[in-house]
Protein backbone atom coordinates (compact mmCIF):
# COMPACT_ATOMS: atom_id res chain seq x y z
CA MET A 1 -51.73 198.81 -1.79
CA THR A 2 -55.31 199.58 -0.73
CA THR A 3 -57.86 199.38 -3.52
CA LEU A 4 -61.41 200.57 -4.02
CA PRO A 5 -63.76 198.58 -6.30
CA LEU A 6 -65.65 200.59 -8.88
CA LEU A 7 -69.01 199.79 -10.40
CA VAL A 8 -68.29 201.05 -13.91
CA PRO A 9 -65.31 199.53 -15.79
CA PRO A 10 -63.48 201.37 -18.56
CA ALA A 11 -64.75 200.84 -22.09
CA GLY A 12 -63.44 197.54 -23.42
CA SER A 13 -62.57 196.13 -20.01
CA PRO A 14 -64.21 192.90 -18.85
CA PRO A 15 -66.55 193.37 -15.90
CA GLY A 16 -65.71 191.84 -12.58
CA PRO A 17 -63.90 192.45 -9.29
CA SER A 18 -60.54 192.71 -11.04
CA PHE A 19 -61.47 196.23 -12.16
CA VAL A 20 -60.25 198.48 -9.32
CA LEU A 21 -59.13 202.04 -8.77
CA SER A 22 -55.94 202.38 -6.75
CA LEU A 23 -56.43 204.72 -3.83
CA GLY A 24 -52.68 205.17 -3.59
CA SER A 25 -52.47 206.70 -7.06
CA SER A 26 -55.98 208.14 -7.50
CA LEU A 27 -57.05 209.63 -4.18
CA VAL A 28 -56.29 213.21 -5.20
CA PRO A 29 -58.20 213.03 -8.53
CA LEU A 30 -61.07 211.36 -6.69
CA LEU A 31 -61.24 214.14 -4.11
CA VAL A 32 -60.95 216.79 -6.82
CA ALA A 33 -63.83 215.25 -8.75
CA VAL A 34 -66.13 214.76 -5.75
CA ILE A 35 -65.41 217.91 -3.75
CA GLY A 36 -65.09 220.10 -6.83
CA GLY A 37 -68.28 218.68 -8.30
CA TYR A 38 -70.21 219.25 -5.07
CA LEU A 39 -69.02 222.85 -4.73
CA LEU A 40 -69.90 223.59 -8.35
CA GLY A 41 -73.35 222.13 -7.86
CA SER A 42 -73.83 224.14 -4.67
CA ILE A 43 -73.75 227.47 -6.50
CA PRO A 44 -77.37 228.63 -5.97
CA VAL A 45 -77.98 230.06 -9.44
CA ALA A 46 -81.77 230.35 -9.07
CA VAL A 47 -81.49 232.03 -5.67
CA LEU A 48 -78.91 234.50 -6.97
CA VAL A 49 -80.81 235.33 -10.17
CA ALA A 50 -84.25 235.63 -8.57
CA GLY A 51 -82.83 237.41 -5.53
CA ARG A 52 -81.75 240.31 -7.73
CA ARG A 53 -85.46 240.82 -8.45
CA GLY A 54 -86.49 240.50 -4.82
CA VAL A 55 -87.75 236.91 -5.08
CA ASP A 56 -86.60 233.91 -3.06
CA PRO A 57 -87.69 230.80 -5.01
CA ARG A 58 -87.28 228.72 -1.84
CA GLU A 59 -90.18 230.60 -0.29
CA GLU A 60 -92.52 231.13 -3.26
CA GLY A 61 -94.39 228.92 -5.71
CA ASP A 62 -93.45 225.28 -5.29
CA ARG A 63 -90.38 226.38 -3.28
CA ASN A 64 -88.06 224.67 -5.72
CA PRO A 65 -85.00 226.87 -6.40
CA GLY A 66 -84.75 225.94 -10.04
CA PHE A 67 -85.61 227.07 -13.55
CA TRP A 68 -89.28 226.13 -13.59
CA ASN A 69 -90.20 227.92 -10.38
CA VAL A 70 -88.27 231.04 -11.36
CA ARG A 71 -89.94 230.94 -14.78
CA GLU A 72 -93.37 230.79 -13.16
CA ARG A 73 -92.55 233.68 -10.85
CA LEU A 74 -90.56 235.98 -13.15
CA GLY A 75 -91.07 234.81 -16.73
CA ALA A 76 -89.01 232.90 -19.27
CA ARG A 77 -86.58 235.71 -20.08
CA ALA A 78 -85.67 236.31 -16.44
CA ALA A 79 -85.32 232.56 -15.86
CA ALA A 80 -83.03 231.97 -18.87
CA PRO A 81 -79.84 232.56 -16.82
CA VAL A 82 -81.04 229.92 -14.35
CA PHE A 83 -81.49 227.41 -17.16
CA ALA A 84 -78.02 228.15 -18.51
CA GLY A 85 -76.37 228.32 -15.11
CA ASP A 86 -77.78 225.09 -13.74
CA MET A 87 -76.81 223.22 -16.89
CA ALA A 88 -73.36 224.81 -16.86
CA LYS A 89 -72.79 223.41 -13.38
CA GLY A 90 -73.23 219.89 -14.74
CA VAL A 91 -71.01 220.59 -17.73
CA ALA A 92 -68.26 222.02 -15.51
CA ALA A 93 -68.48 219.08 -13.11
CA GLY A 94 -68.37 216.58 -15.97
CA LEU A 95 -65.33 218.25 -17.46
CA LEU A 96 -63.66 218.33 -14.04
CA GLY A 97 -64.16 214.60 -13.61
CA LEU A 98 -63.08 213.91 -17.18
CA VAL A 99 -59.81 215.81 -16.75
CA ALA A 100 -59.20 214.36 -13.28
CA GLY A 101 -59.47 210.90 -14.83
CA GLY A 102 -56.99 211.65 -17.58
CA ALA A 103 -59.37 213.01 -20.25
CA HIS A 104 -60.03 209.63 -21.90
CA THR A 105 -62.75 209.66 -24.58
CA THR A 106 -63.78 207.72 -27.66
CA ALA A 107 -63.69 209.17 -31.17
CA LEU A 108 -67.25 210.44 -30.62
CA GLY A 109 -66.27 212.20 -27.41
CA VAL A 110 -67.88 209.65 -25.09
CA VAL A 111 -66.05 209.44 -21.77
CA ALA A 112 -64.02 206.25 -21.57
CA GLY A 113 -61.41 204.35 -19.53
CA PRO A 114 -60.28 205.73 -16.16
CA SER A 115 -62.23 208.94 -16.78
CA VAL A 116 -65.59 207.14 -16.55
CA PRO A 117 -65.89 206.70 -12.77
CA LEU A 118 -64.52 210.14 -11.98
CA ALA A 119 -66.81 211.87 -14.50
CA TYR A 120 -69.85 210.12 -13.04
CA LEU A 121 -68.76 210.84 -9.48
CA ALA A 122 -68.21 214.53 -10.29
CA VAL A 123 -71.61 214.88 -11.97
CA GLY A 124 -73.31 212.96 -9.15
CA ALA A 125 -71.60 215.22 -6.61
CA ALA A 126 -72.76 218.29 -8.54
CA MET A 127 -76.32 216.96 -8.48
CA LEU A 128 -76.04 216.43 -4.73
CA GLY A 129 -74.69 219.96 -4.41
CA HIS A 130 -77.61 221.33 -6.40
CA ALA A 131 -80.08 219.35 -4.29
CA TRP A 132 -78.42 220.16 -0.95
CA PRO A 133 -76.23 223.25 -1.56
CA VAL A 134 -73.76 224.22 1.14
CA PHE A 135 -73.99 227.84 -0.06
CA ALA A 136 -77.79 228.07 0.29
CA GLY A 137 -78.69 226.40 3.57
CA PHE A 138 -78.87 222.92 2.01
CA ARG A 139 -82.19 223.86 0.39
CA GLY A 140 -81.82 223.09 -3.29
CA GLY A 141 -83.59 221.93 -6.40
CA ARG A 142 -84.15 218.69 -8.27
CA SER A 143 -80.93 218.55 -10.30
CA VAL A 144 -82.52 217.90 -13.71
CA LEU A 145 -80.56 220.53 -15.63
CA THR A 146 -77.35 219.73 -13.76
CA PHE A 147 -77.81 216.09 -14.78
CA ALA A 148 -78.41 217.10 -18.40
CA GLY A 149 -75.29 219.26 -18.43
CA GLY A 150 -73.23 216.42 -17.03
CA MET A 151 -74.50 214.01 -19.67
CA ALA A 152 -73.50 216.49 -22.37
CA VAL A 153 -69.92 215.73 -21.30
CA ILE A 154 -70.28 212.04 -20.45
CA CYS A 155 -72.01 211.08 -23.71
CA PRO A 156 -72.24 213.99 -26.18
CA PRO A 157 -73.95 212.05 -29.01
CA ALA A 158 -76.72 210.76 -26.73
CA PHE A 159 -77.21 214.27 -25.37
CA ALA A 160 -77.43 215.72 -28.90
CA LEU A 161 -80.01 213.12 -29.91
CA ALA A 162 -81.96 213.80 -26.71
CA LEU A 163 -82.14 217.45 -27.75
CA ALA A 164 -83.63 216.30 -31.05
CA VAL A 165 -86.21 214.25 -29.13
CA LEU A 166 -87.01 217.34 -27.06
CA ALA A 167 -87.44 219.48 -30.18
CA VAL A 168 -89.67 216.96 -31.98
CA THR A 169 -91.82 216.41 -28.89
CA ARG A 170 -92.15 220.17 -28.42
CA LEU A 171 -93.35 220.59 -31.99
CA ALA A 172 -95.74 217.65 -31.72
CA THR A 173 -97.30 218.52 -28.36
CA GLY A 174 -96.74 222.23 -27.92
CA SER A 175 -95.58 221.54 -24.35
CA PHE A 176 -92.01 222.34 -23.39
CA ALA A 177 -92.48 220.64 -20.01
CA LEU A 178 -93.48 217.36 -21.66
CA ALA A 179 -90.73 217.73 -24.26
CA ALA A 180 -88.11 218.26 -21.55
CA ARG A 181 -89.22 215.09 -19.76
CA ALA A 182 -89.08 213.14 -23.01
CA GLY A 183 -85.56 214.41 -23.69
CA VAL A 184 -84.28 213.52 -20.22
CA PHE A 185 -85.78 210.03 -20.20
CA ALA A 186 -84.42 209.40 -23.69
CA ILE A 187 -80.81 209.93 -22.62
CA PRO A 188 -80.08 206.46 -21.15
CA VAL A 189 -81.89 204.72 -24.02
CA LEU A 190 -79.90 206.66 -26.60
CA GLN A 191 -76.69 206.12 -24.64
CA LEU A 192 -76.96 202.37 -25.29
CA ALA A 193 -75.82 203.00 -28.86
CA PHE A 194 -72.58 204.64 -27.76
CA ALA A 195 -71.52 203.21 -24.40
CA PRO A 196 -71.45 199.89 -22.47
CA ILE A 197 -74.43 198.86 -20.39
CA GLY A 198 -72.49 199.61 -17.21
CA HIS A 199 -72.30 203.26 -18.18
CA VAL A 200 -76.04 203.32 -18.85
CA ALA A 201 -76.66 201.78 -15.43
CA ALA A 202 -74.60 204.57 -13.88
CA THR A 203 -76.71 207.11 -15.77
CA GLY A 204 -79.80 205.44 -14.34
CA ALA A 205 -78.34 205.80 -10.86
CA LEU A 206 -77.96 209.55 -11.40
CA MET A 207 -81.57 209.72 -12.56
CA CYS A 208 -82.66 207.98 -9.36
CA LEU A 209 -81.46 211.04 -7.46
CA ILE A 210 -83.81 213.18 -9.55
CA GLY A 211 -86.63 210.78 -8.71
CA LEU A 212 -85.74 211.03 -5.03
CA ARG A 213 -85.93 214.81 -5.11
CA PHE A 214 -89.32 214.76 -6.87
CA GLY A 215 -90.56 212.29 -4.28
CA GLN A 216 -89.39 214.52 -1.45
CA ALA A 217 -91.10 217.51 -3.05
CA ALA A 218 -94.35 215.56 -3.38
CA LEU A 219 -94.23 214.57 0.30
CA ALA A 220 -93.48 218.13 1.36
CA ALA A 221 -96.43 219.41 -0.66
CA ARG A 222 -98.79 217.16 1.30
CA ARG A 223 -97.73 218.54 4.65
CA PRO A 224 -100.00 221.20 6.14
């Protein structure tokens, strides 16, 4: 039987090449997680919401079709559905991967066992869909909220504590932008208390995609 090595073993399993996912028995769940996650992420929430008000966020402001650009163009109230929608895409993708992997979790709701790789793959696919959406000409955003929504499924206690970090930072600094960054960067650190290091490494890999998108945006801004 053909096998595919995975980077993240189930909770409690020893690391090493012996941890494999059988393609013969898991190809369909794998495709469901990856394709479903990508299609969910490709829903252009910011474009749809702003478009109803005659604004294309891909052509105005920093040209990022996400919450922050819509907020700058149309205000916080008008951008609220974008915030909720982009995060919901990550939640839906995480749940899709979780179920496709057999819905294995710990007592605290942390994704575990065979559900781990599929949940991460689904959330990663959703982030790719948000960044390069098939439904919006492959011109997408930076996937921050989609990542956060996915982590709410993958590690609920770390996500909840990250929200507390966001709230405290917001009160201390008065800046929601700074507080949001603090909350996002706190997630993998907080996750260490609830999940194996391999899971945290996978979270870091998802965050690298966010860094890539910010880097691309910075390069694009320098072009004449």
